[in-house]
PDB file of N, CA and C in Angstrom:
ATOM      1  N   MET A   1     -10.338   4.752 -39.880  1.00  0.00           N
ATOM      2  CA  MET A   1     -10.198   6.094 -39.378  1.00  0.00           C
ATOM      3  C   MET A   1      -9.178   6.079 -38.231  1.00  0.00           C
ATOM      4  N   LYS A   2      -8.249   7.010 -38.277  1.00  0.00           N
ATOM      5  CA  LYS A   2      -7.239   7.091 -37.233  1.00  0.00           C
ATOM      6  C   LYS A   2      -7.790   7.838 -36.021  1.00  0.00           C
ATOM      7  N   GLN A   3      -7.407   7.327 -34.874  1.00  0.00           N
ATOM      8  CA  GLN A   3      -7.802   8.024 -33.652  1.00  0.00           C
ATOM      9  C   GLN A   3      -6.742   9.051 -33.311  1.00  0.00           C
ATOM     10  N   LYS A   4      -7.191  10.184 -32.866  1.00  0.00           N
ATOM     11  CA  LYS A   4      -6.268  11.240 -32.492  1.00  0.00           C
ATOM     12  C   LYS A   4      -5.902  11.079 -31.015  1.00  0.00           C
ATOM     13  N   MET A   5      -4.595  11.091 -30.715  1.00  0.00           N
ATOM     14  CA  MET A   5      -4.131  10.990 -29.343  1.00  0.00           C
ATOM     15  C   MET A   5      -4.360  12.320 -28.635  1.00  0.00           C
ATOM     16  N   VAL A   6      -4.983  12.260 -27.510  1.00  0.00           N
ATOM     17  CA  VAL A   6      -5.217  13.467 -26.719  1.00  0.00           C
ATOM     18  C   VAL A   6      -4.053  13.605 -25.747  1.00  0.00           C
ATOM     19  N   LYS A   7      -3.371  14.740 -25.827  1.00  0.00           N
ATOM     20  CA  LYS A   7      -2.261  14.976 -24.914  1.00  0.00           C
ATOM     21  C   LYS A   7      -2.806  15.644 -23.659  1.00  0.00           C
ATOM     22  N   THR A   8      -2.405  15.116 -22.541  1.00  0.00           N
ATOM     23  CA  THR A   8      -2.848  15.699 -21.278  1.00  0.00           C
ATOM     24  C   THR A   8      -1.719  16.523 -20.683  1.00  0.00           C
ATOM     25  N   LYS A   9      -2.106  17.585 -20.049  1.00  0.00           N
ATOM     26  CA  LYS A   9      -1.130  18.425 -19.366  1.00  0.00           C
ATOM     27  C   LYS A   9      -0.823  17.827 -18.004  1.00  0.00           C
ATOM     28  N   ILE A  10       0.433  17.842 -17.649  1.00  0.00           N
ATOM     29  CA  ILE A  10       0.829  17.435 -16.305  1.00  0.00           C
ATOM     30  C   ILE A  10       1.128  18.720 -15.545  1.00  0.00           C
ATOM     31  N   ARG A  11       0.280  18.998 -14.581  1.00  0.00           N
ATOM     32  CA  ARG A  11       0.425  20.222 -13.813  1.00  0.00           C
ATOM     33  C   ARG A  11       1.280  19.979 -12.578  1.00  0.00           C
ATOM     34  N   PHE A  12       1.919  21.029 -12.112  1.00  0.00           N
ATOM     35  CA  PHE A  12       2.757  20.960 -10.920  1.00  0.00           C
ATOM     36  C   PHE A  12       1.945  20.523  -9.705  1.00  0.00           C
ATOM     37  N   VAL A  13       0.715  20.982  -9.621  1.00  0.00           N
ATOM     38  CA  VAL A  13      -0.166  20.623  -8.501  1.00  0.00           C
ATOM     39  C   VAL A  13      -0.431  19.117  -8.487  1.00  0.00           C
ATOM     40  N   ASP A  14      -0.601  18.533  -9.675  1.00  0.00           N
ATOM     41  CA  ASP A  14      -0.824  17.090  -9.756  1.00  0.00           C
ATOM     42  C   ASP A  14       0.393  16.307  -9.271  1.00  0.00           C
ATOM     43  N   ILE A  15       1.571  16.775  -9.621  1.00  0.00           N
ATOM     44  CA  ILE A  15       2.797  16.115  -9.176  1.00  0.00           C
ATOM     45  C   ILE A  15       2.910  16.180  -7.664  1.00  0.00           C
ATOM     46  N   ILE A  16       2.651  17.338  -7.089  1.00  0.00           N
ATOM     47  CA  ILE A  16       2.702  17.495  -5.629  1.00  0.00           C
ATOM     48  C   ILE A  16       1.658  16.604  -4.961  1.00  0.00           C
ATOM     49  N   TYR A  17       0.477  16.537  -5.551  1.00  0.00           N
ATOM     50  CA  TYR A  17      -0.604  15.697  -5.018  1.00  0.00           C
ATOM     51  C   TYR A  17      -0.172  14.232  -4.958  1.00  0.00           C
ATOM     52  N   TRP A  18       0.361  13.705  -6.059  1.00  0.00           N
ATOM     53  CA  TRP A  18       0.763  12.291  -6.084  1.00  0.00           C
ATOM     54  C   TRP A  18       1.970  12.032  -5.182  1.00  0.00           C
ATOM     55  N   LEU A  19       2.896  12.977  -5.090  1.00  0.00           N
ATOM     56  CA  LEU A  19       4.025  12.813  -4.165  1.00  0.00           C
ATOM     57  C   LEU A  19       3.542  12.789  -2.715  1.00  0.00           C
ATOM     58  N   ALA A  20       2.527  13.589  -2.400  1.00  0.00           N
ATOM     59  CA  ALA A  20       1.972  13.591  -1.042  1.00  0.00           C
ATOM     60  C   ALA A  20       1.296  12.258  -0.738  1.00  0.00           C
ATOM     61  N   ILE A  21       0.570  11.721  -1.699  1.00  0.00           N
ATOM     62  CA  ILE A  21      -0.082  10.416  -1.487  1.00  0.00           C
ATOM     63  C   ILE A  21       0.957   9.323  -1.288  1.00  0.00           C
ATOM     64  N   ILE A  22       2.002   9.316  -2.119  1.00  0.00           N
ATOM     65  CA  ILE A  22       3.061   8.310  -1.988  1.00  0.00           C
ATOM     66  C   ILE A  22       3.782   8.472  -0.663  1.00  0.00           C
ATOM     67  N   GLY A  23       4.051   9.722  -0.268  1.00  0.00           N
ATOM     68  CA  GLY A  23       4.709   9.977   1.015  1.00  0.00           C
ATOM     69  C   GLY A  23       3.878   9.500   2.195  1.00  0.00           C
ATOM     70  N   ALA A  24       2.566   9.748   2.144  1.00  0.00           N
ATOM     71  CA  ALA A  24       1.678   9.301   3.223  1.00  0.00           C
ATOM     72  C   ALA A  24       1.628   7.771   3.273  1.00  0.00           C
ATOM     73  N   ASP A  25       1.620   7.136   2.110  1.00  0.00           N
ATOM     74  CA  ASP A  25       1.604   5.673   2.045  1.00  0.00           C
ATOM     75  C   ASP A  25       2.865   5.088   2.671  1.00  0.00           C
ATOM     76  N   ILE A  26       4.013   5.642   2.322  1.00  0.00           N
ATOM     77  CA  ILE A  26       5.282   5.168   2.892  1.00  0.00           C
ATOM     78  C   ILE A  26       5.316   5.428   4.390  1.00  0.00           C
ATOM     79  N   PHE A  27       4.796   6.567   4.825  1.00  0.00           N
ATOM     80  CA  PHE A  27       4.757   6.890   6.249  1.00  0.00           C
ATOM     81  C   PHE A  27       3.915   5.858   7.020  1.00  0.00           C
ATOM     82  N   ILE A  28       2.768   5.495   6.465  1.00  0.00           N
ATOM     83  CA  ILE A  28       1.918   4.491   7.123  1.00  0.00           C
ATOM     84  C   ILE A  28       2.627   3.152   7.189  1.00  0.00           C
ATOM     85  N   TYR A  29       3.325   2.765   6.112  1.00  0.00           N
ATOM     86  CA  TYR A  29       4.102   1.523   6.140  1.00  0.00           C
ATOM     87  C   TYR A  29       5.197   1.569   7.210  1.00  0.00           C
ATOM     88  N   MET A  30       5.837   2.730   7.350  1.00  0.00           N
ATOM     89  CA  MET A  30       6.878   2.859   8.368  1.00  0.00           C
ATOM     90  C   MET A  30       6.295   2.708   9.771  1.00  0.00           C
ATOM     91  N   ILE A  31       5.166   3.348  10.030  1.00  0.00           N
ATOM     92  CA  ILE A  31       4.530   3.266  11.346  1.00  0.00           C
ATOM     93  C   ILE A  31       4.110   1.828  11.644  1.00  0.00           C
ATOM     94  N   LEU A  32       3.459   1.178  10.668  1.00  0.00           N
ATOM     95  CA  LEU A  32       3.033  -0.214  10.881  1.00  0.00           C
ATOM     96  C   LEU A  32       4.236  -1.137  11.063  1.00  0.00           C
ATOM     97  N   GLY A  33       5.318  -0.865  10.358  1.00  0.00           N
ATOM     98  CA  GLY A  33       6.536  -1.661  10.530  1.00  0.00           C
ATOM     99  C   GLY A  33       7.140  -1.481  11.915  1.00  0.00           C
ATOM    100  N   LEU A  34       7.158  -0.241  12.392  1.00  0.00           N
ATOM    101  CA  LEU A  34       7.679   0.005  13.740  1.00  0.00           C
ATOM    102  C   LEU A  34       6.810  -0.664  14.799  1.00  0.00           C
ATOM    103  N   LEU A  35       5.504  -0.643  14.590  1.00  0.00           N
ATOM    104  CA  LEU A  35       4.609  -1.290  15.544  1.00  0.00           C
ATOM    105  C   LEU A  35       4.765  -2.813  15.512  1.00  0.00           C
ATOM    106  N   GLN A  36       5.175  -3.351  14.383  1.00  0.00           N
ATOM    107  CA  GLN A  36       5.404  -4.790  14.273  1.00  0.00           C
ATOM    108  C   GLN A  36       6.683  -5.219  15.008  1.00  0.00           C
ATOM    109  N   MET A  37       7.585  -4.279  15.253  1.00  0.00           N
ATOM    110  CA  MET A  37       8.841  -4.614  15.925  1.00  0.00           C
ATOM    111  C   MET A  37       8.603  -5.116  17.342  1.00  0.00           C
ATOM    112  N   ASP A  38       7.479  -4.763  17.928  1.00  0.00           N
ATOM    113  CA  ASP A  38       7.132  -5.253  19.258  1.00  0.00           C
ATOM    114  C   ASP A  38       7.074  -6.778  19.276  1.00  0.00           C
ATOM    115  N   TYR A  39       6.612  -7.356  18.186  1.00  0.00           N
ATOM    116  CA  TYR A  39       6.515  -8.820  18.107  1.00  0.00           C
ATOM    117  C   TYR A  39       7.902  -9.454  18.209  1.00  0.00           C
ATOM    118  N   ASP A  40       8.879  -8.898  17.499  1.00  0.00           N
ATOM    119  CA  ASP A  40      10.238  -9.447  17.544  1.00  0.00           C
ATOM    120  C   ASP A  40      10.828  -9.371  18.947  1.00  0.00           C
ATOM    121  N   ASP A  41      10.533  -8.281  19.634  1.00  0.00           N
ATOM    122  CA  ASP A  41      11.100  -8.088  20.968  1.00  0.00           C
ATOM    123  C   ASP A  41      10.499  -9.028  22.009  1.00  0.00           C
ATOM    124  N   THR A  42       9.229  -9.393  21.841  1.00  0.00           N
ATOM    125  CA  THR A  42       8.546 -10.183  22.873  1.00  0.00           C
ATOM    126  C   THR A  42       8.192 -11.596  22.419  1.00  0.00           C
ATOM    127  N   TYR A  43       8.767 -12.063  21.314  1.00  0.00           N
ATOM    128  CA  TYR A  43       8.432 -13.397  20.807  1.00  0.00           C
ATOM    129  C   TYR A  43       8.846 -14.467  21.810  1.00  0.00           C
ATOM    130  N   ASP A  44       7.929 -15.395  22.069  1.00  0.00           N
ATOM    131  CA  ASP A  44       8.181 -16.525  22.957  1.00  0.00           C
ATOM    132  C   ASP A  44       7.913 -17.805  22.170  1.00  0.00           C
ATOM    133  N   SER A  45       8.941 -18.627  22.001  1.00  0.00           N
ATOM    134  CA  SER A  45       8.804 -19.830  21.171  1.00  0.00           C
ATOM    135  C   SER A  45       7.848 -20.852  21.780  1.00  0.00           C
ATOM    136  N   SER A  46       7.558 -20.729  23.068  1.00  0.00           N
ATOM    137  CA  SER A  46       6.633 -21.681  23.687  1.00  0.00           C
ATOM    138  C   SER A  46       5.176 -21.415  23.273  1.00  0.00           C
ATOM    139  N   LYS A  47       4.904 -20.218  22.742  1.00  0.00           N
ATOM    140  CA  LYS A  47       3.535 -19.880  22.334  1.00  0.00           C
ATOM    141  C   LYS A  47       3.203 -20.335  20.922  1.00  0.00           C
ATOM    142  N   GLY A  48       4.219 -20.664  20.149  1.00  0.00           N
ATOM    143  CA  GLY A  48       3.965 -21.119  18.781  1.00  0.00           C
ATOM    144  C   GLY A  48       5.109 -20.759  17.856  1.00  0.00           C
ATOM    145  N   GLU A  49       4.952 -21.148  16.608  1.00  0.00           N
ATOM    146  CA  GLU A  49       5.962 -20.907  15.592  1.00  0.00           C
ATOM    147  C   GLU A  49       6.098 -19.408  15.333  1.00  0.00           C
ATOM    148  N   TYR A  50       7.299 -18.997  14.895  1.00  0.00           N
ATOM    149  CA  TYR A  50       7.571 -17.589  14.618  1.00  0.00           C
ATOM    150  C   TYR A  50       6.643 -17.082  13.523  1.00  0.00           C
ATOM    151  N   TRP A  51       6.016 -15.946  13.720  1.00  0.00           N
ATOM    152  CA  TRP A  51       5.049 -15.278  12.850  1.00  0.00           C
ATOM    153  C   TRP A  51       3.737 -16.036  12.696  1.00  0.00           C
ATOM    154  N   SER A  52       3.478 -17.005  13.562  1.00  0.00           N
ATOM    155  CA  SER A  52       2.151 -17.623  13.534  1.00  0.00           C
ATOM    156  C   SER A  52       1.199 -16.735  14.327  1.00  0.00           C
ATOM    157  N   LEU A  53      -0.052 -16.755  13.955  1.00  0.00           N
ATOM    158  CA  LEU A  53      -1.026 -15.904  14.630  1.00  0.00           C
ATOM    159  C   LEU A  53      -1.216 -16.315  16.087  1.00  0.00           C
ATOM    160  N   ALA A  54      -0.988 -17.579  16.388  1.00  0.00           N
ATOM    161  CA  ALA A  54      -1.149 -18.056  17.764  1.00  0.00           C
ATOM    162  C   ALA A  54      -0.086 -17.475  18.693  1.00  0.00           C
ATOM    163  N   SER A  55       1.064 -17.107  18.143  1.00  0.00           N
ATOM    164  CA  SER A  55       2.138 -16.591  18.997  1.00  0.00           C
ATOM    165  C   SER A  55       2.028 -15.085  19.221  1.00  0.00           C
ATOM    166  N   MET A  56       1.014 -14.444  18.673  1.00  0.00           N
ATOM    167  CA  MET A  56       0.839 -12.995  18.825  1.00  0.00           C
ATOM    168  C   MET A  56      -0.220 -12.689  19.878  1.00  0.00           C
ATOM    169  N   ASN A  57       0.013 -11.596  20.620  1.00  0.00           N
ATOM    170  CA  ASN A  57      -1.032 -11.151  21.528  1.00  0.00           C
ATOM    171  C   ASN A  57      -2.026 -10.292  20.733  1.00  0.00           C
ATOM    172  N   THR A  58      -3.062  -9.805  21.373  1.00  0.00           N
ATOM    173  CA  THR A  58      -4.136  -9.095  20.672  1.00  0.00           C
ATOM    174  C   THR A  58      -3.629  -7.839  19.975  1.00  0.00           C
ATOM    175  N   ARG A  59      -2.786  -7.092  20.644  1.00  0.00           N
ATOM    176  CA  ARG A  59      -2.252  -5.857  20.060  1.00  0.00           C
ATOM    177  C   ARG A  59      -1.401  -6.152  18.832  1.00  0.00           C
ATOM    178  N   GLN A  60      -0.537  -7.148  18.914  1.00  0.00           N
ATOM    179  CA  GLN A  60       0.311  -7.509  17.781  1.00  0.00           C
ATOM    180  C   GLN A  60      -0.532  -8.039  16.621  1.00  0.00           C
ATOM    181  N   LEU A  61      -1.562  -8.792  16.945  1.00  0.00           N
ATOM    182  CA  LEU A  61      -2.458  -9.325  15.922  1.00  0.00           C
ATOM    183  C   LEU A  61      -3.210  -8.189  15.221  1.00  0.00           C
ATOM    184  N   MET A  62      -3.589  -7.184  15.990  1.00  0.00           N
ATOM    185  CA  MET A  62      -4.281  -6.033  15.413  1.00  0.00           C
ATOM    186  C   MET A  62      -3.363  -5.297  14.431  1.00  0.00           C
ATOM    187  N   PHE A  63      -2.095  -5.082  14.797  1.00  0.00           N
ATOM    188  CA  PHE A  63      -1.162  -4.404  13.910  1.00  0.00           C
ATOM    189  C   PHE A  63      -0.842  -5.256  12.682  1.00  0.00           C
ATOM    190  N   TYR A  64      -0.757  -6.563  12.855  1.00  0.00           N
ATOM    191  CA  TYR A  64      -0.519  -7.466  11.732  1.00  0.00           C
ATOM    192  C   TYR A  64      -1.689  -7.402  10.739  1.00  0.00           C
ATOM    193  N   CYS A  65      -2.907  -7.430  11.254  1.00  0.00           N
ATOM    194  CA  CYS A  65      -4.090  -7.346  10.381  1.00  0.00           C
ATOM    195  C   CYS A  65      -4.169  -5.982   9.699  1.00  0.00           C
ATOM    196  N   ALA A  66      -3.785  -4.914  10.404  1.00  0.00           N
ATOM    197  CA  ALA A  66      -3.777  -3.578   9.804  1.00  0.00           C
ATOM    198  C   ALA A  66      -2.775  -3.519   8.655  1.00  0.00           C
ATOM    199  N   LEU A  67      -1.622  -4.146   8.822  1.00  0.00           N
ATOM    200  CA  LEU A  67      -0.626  -4.169   7.754  1.00  0.00           C
ATOM    201  C   LEU A  67      -1.141  -4.944   6.540  1.00  0.00           C
ATOM    202  N   GLN A  68      -1.779  -6.079   6.776  1.00  0.00           N
ATOM    203  CA  GLN A  68      -2.323  -6.856   5.664  1.00  0.00           C
ATOM    204  C   GLN A  68      -3.457  -6.096   4.966  1.00  0.00           C
ATOM    205  N   PHE A  69      -4.278  -5.411   5.736  1.00  0.00           N
ATOM    206  CA  PHE A  69      -5.344  -4.593   5.170  1.00  0.00           C
ATOM    207  C   PHE A  69      -4.760  -3.466   4.319  1.00  0.00           C
ATOM    208  N   TRP A  70      -3.679  -2.843   4.801  1.00  0.00           N
ATOM    209  CA  TRP A  70      -3.046  -1.769   4.053  1.00  0.00           C
ATOM    210  C   TRP A  70      -2.421  -2.313   2.757  1.00  0.00           C
ATOM    211  N   ASN A  71      -1.891  -3.535   2.803  1.00  0.00           N
ATOM    212  CA  ASN A  71      -1.372  -4.165   1.587  1.00  0.00           C
ATOM    213  C   ASN A  71      -2.480  -4.363   0.558  1.00  0.00           C
ATOM    214  N   ILE A  72      -3.653  -4.776   1.002  1.00  0.00           N
ATOM    215  CA  ILE A  72      -4.792  -4.981   0.091  1.00  0.00           C
ATOM    216  C   ILE A  72      -5.236  -3.652  -0.510  1.00  0.00           C
ATOM    217  N   ILE A  73      -5.298  -2.601   0.312  1.00  0.00           N
ATOM    218  CA  ILE A  73      -5.674  -1.282  -0.202  1.00  0.00           C
ATOM    219  C   ILE A  73      -4.679  -0.825  -1.265  1.00  0.00           C
ATOM    220  N   ASN A  74      -3.385  -1.026  -1.015  1.00  0.00           N
ATOM    221  CA  ASN A  74      -2.369  -0.635  -1.989  1.00  0.00           C
ATOM    222  C   ASN A  74      -2.477  -1.449  -3.269  1.00  0.00           C
ATOM    223  N   LEU A  75      -2.771  -2.727  -3.156  1.00  0.00           N
ATOM    224  CA  LEU A  75      -2.934  -3.573  -4.342  1.00  0.00           C
ATOM    225  C   LEU A  75      -4.119  -3.102  -5.186  1.00  0.00           C
ATOM    226  N   ILE A  76      -5.233  -2.799  -4.531  1.00  0.00           N
ATOM    227  CA  ILE A  76      -6.406  -2.281  -5.251  1.00  0.00           C
ATOM    228  C   ILE A  76      -6.070  -0.946  -5.916  1.00  0.00           C
ATOM    229  N   GLY A  77      -5.337  -0.096  -5.215  1.00  0.00           N
ATOM    230  CA  GLY A  77      -4.922   1.183  -5.792  1.00  0.00           C
ATOM    231  C   GLY A  77      -4.027   1.013  -7.006  1.00  0.00           C
ATOM    232  N   LEU A  78      -3.079   0.075  -6.932  1.00  0.00           N
ATOM    233  CA  LEU A  78      -2.210  -0.178  -8.076  1.00  0.00           C
ATOM    234  C   LEU A  78      -2.980  -0.725  -9.272  1.00  0.00           C
ATOM    235  N   ILE A  79      -3.943  -1.599  -9.014  1.00  0.00           N
ATOM    236  CA  ILE A  79      -4.773  -2.129 -10.104  1.00  0.00           C
ATOM    237  C   ILE A  79      -5.578  -0.999 -10.735  1.00  0.00           C
ATOM    238  N   PHE A  80      -6.134  -0.131  -9.920  1.00  0.00           N
ATOM    239  CA  PHE A  80      -6.914   0.998 -10.427  1.00  0.00           C
ATOM    240  C   PHE A  80      -6.049   1.928 -11.282  1.00  0.00           C
ATOM    241  N   ILE A  81      -4.858   2.262 -10.793  1.00  0.00           N
ATOM    242  CA  ILE A  81      -3.959   3.146 -11.544  1.00  0.00           C
ATOM    243  C   ILE A  81      -3.498   2.462 -12.827  1.00  0.00           C
ATOM    244  N   GLY A  82      -3.170   1.179 -12.758  1.00  0.00           N
ATOM    245  CA  GLY A  82      -2.766   0.443 -13.947  1.00  0.00           C
ATOM    246  C   GLY A  82      -3.872   0.406 -14.990  1.00  0.00           C
ATOM    247  N   ARG A  83      -5.100   0.243 -14.541  1.00  0.00           N
ATOM    248  CA  ARG A  83      -6.252   0.220 -15.446  1.00  0.00           C
ATOM    249  C   ARG A  83      -6.430   1.571 -16.134  1.00  0.00           C
ATOM    250  N   LYS A  84      -6.257   2.647 -15.358  1.00  0.00           N
ATOM    251  CA  LYS A  84      -6.372   3.988 -15.939  1.00  0.00           C
ATOM    252  C   LYS A  84      -5.281   4.233 -16.975  1.00  0.00           C
ATOM    253  N   ILE A  85      -4.070   3.822 -16.674  1.00  0.00           N
ATOM    254  CA  ILE A  85      -2.966   3.995 -17.623  1.00  0.00           C
ATOM    255  C   ILE A  85      -3.218   3.167 -18.875  1.00  0.00           C
ATOM    256  N   TYR A  86      -3.679   1.936 -18.709  1.00  0.00           N
ATOM    257  CA  TYR A  86      -3.969   1.084 -19.846  1.00  0.00           C
ATOM    258  C   TYR A  86      -5.037   1.704 -20.748  1.00  0.00           C
ATOM    259  N   LYS A  87      -6.099   2.195 -20.145  1.00  0.00           N
ATOM    260  CA  LYS A  87      -7.169   2.836 -20.936  1.00  0.00           C
ATOM    261  C   LYS A  87      -6.644   4.070 -21.655  1.00  0.00           C
ATOM    262  N   ARG A  88      -5.825   4.850 -20.975  1.00  0.00           N
ATOM    263  CA  ARG A  88      -5.306   6.065 -21.582  1.00  0.00           C
ATOM    264  C   ARG A  88      -4.386   5.737 -22.766  1.00  0.00           C
ATOM    265  N   ILE A  89      -3.592   4.691 -22.626  1.00  0.00           N
ATOM    266  CA  ILE A  89      -2.697   4.302 -23.723  1.00  0.00           C
ATOM    267  C   ILE A  89      -3.481   3.685 -24.872  1.00  0.00           C
ATOM    268  N   LYS A  90      -4.410   2.802 -24.539  1.00  0.00           N
ATOM    269  CA  LYS A  90      -5.137   2.070 -25.587  1.00  0.00           C
ATOM    270  C   LYS A  90      -6.136   2.958 -26.307  1.00  0.00           C
ATOM    271  N   TYR A  91      -6.924   3.721 -25.580  1.00  0.00           N
ATOM    272  CA  TYR A  91      -7.998   4.488 -26.174  1.00  0.00           C
ATOM    273  C   TYR A  91      -7.682   5.966 -26.342  1.00  0.00           C
ATOM    274  N   GLY A  92      -6.615   6.415 -25.712  1.00  0.00           N
ATOM    275  CA  GLY A  92      -6.240   7.820 -25.856  1.00  0.00           C
ATOM    276  C   GLY A  92      -7.178   8.801 -25.204  1.00  0.00           C
ATOM    277  N   THR A  93      -7.885   8.356 -24.156  1.00  0.00           N
ATOM    278  CA  THR A  93      -8.804   9.256 -23.467  1.00  0.00           C
ATOM    279  C   THR A  93      -8.291   9.630 -22.110  1.00  0.00           C
TER     280      THR A  93
END
């Protein structure tokens, strides 16, 4: 028995919604990147190797951990979206 492909409508509101999410994600990356620039300006080689956690002060370490946390959230989001696309292509639902 052949499965019938269900066509989904792409609404303008959905496009705006996803563009807003992508824009907010890029904005957060920009802010975290700007906050990371403090490390480059105040790096002291006597405190440790470049980009080692020992060479960062508490504030820089907090921003570094926030960036890594945001990377994990984005990875989970990409896996979730990829899974949804895969299911939609494979099963047509």
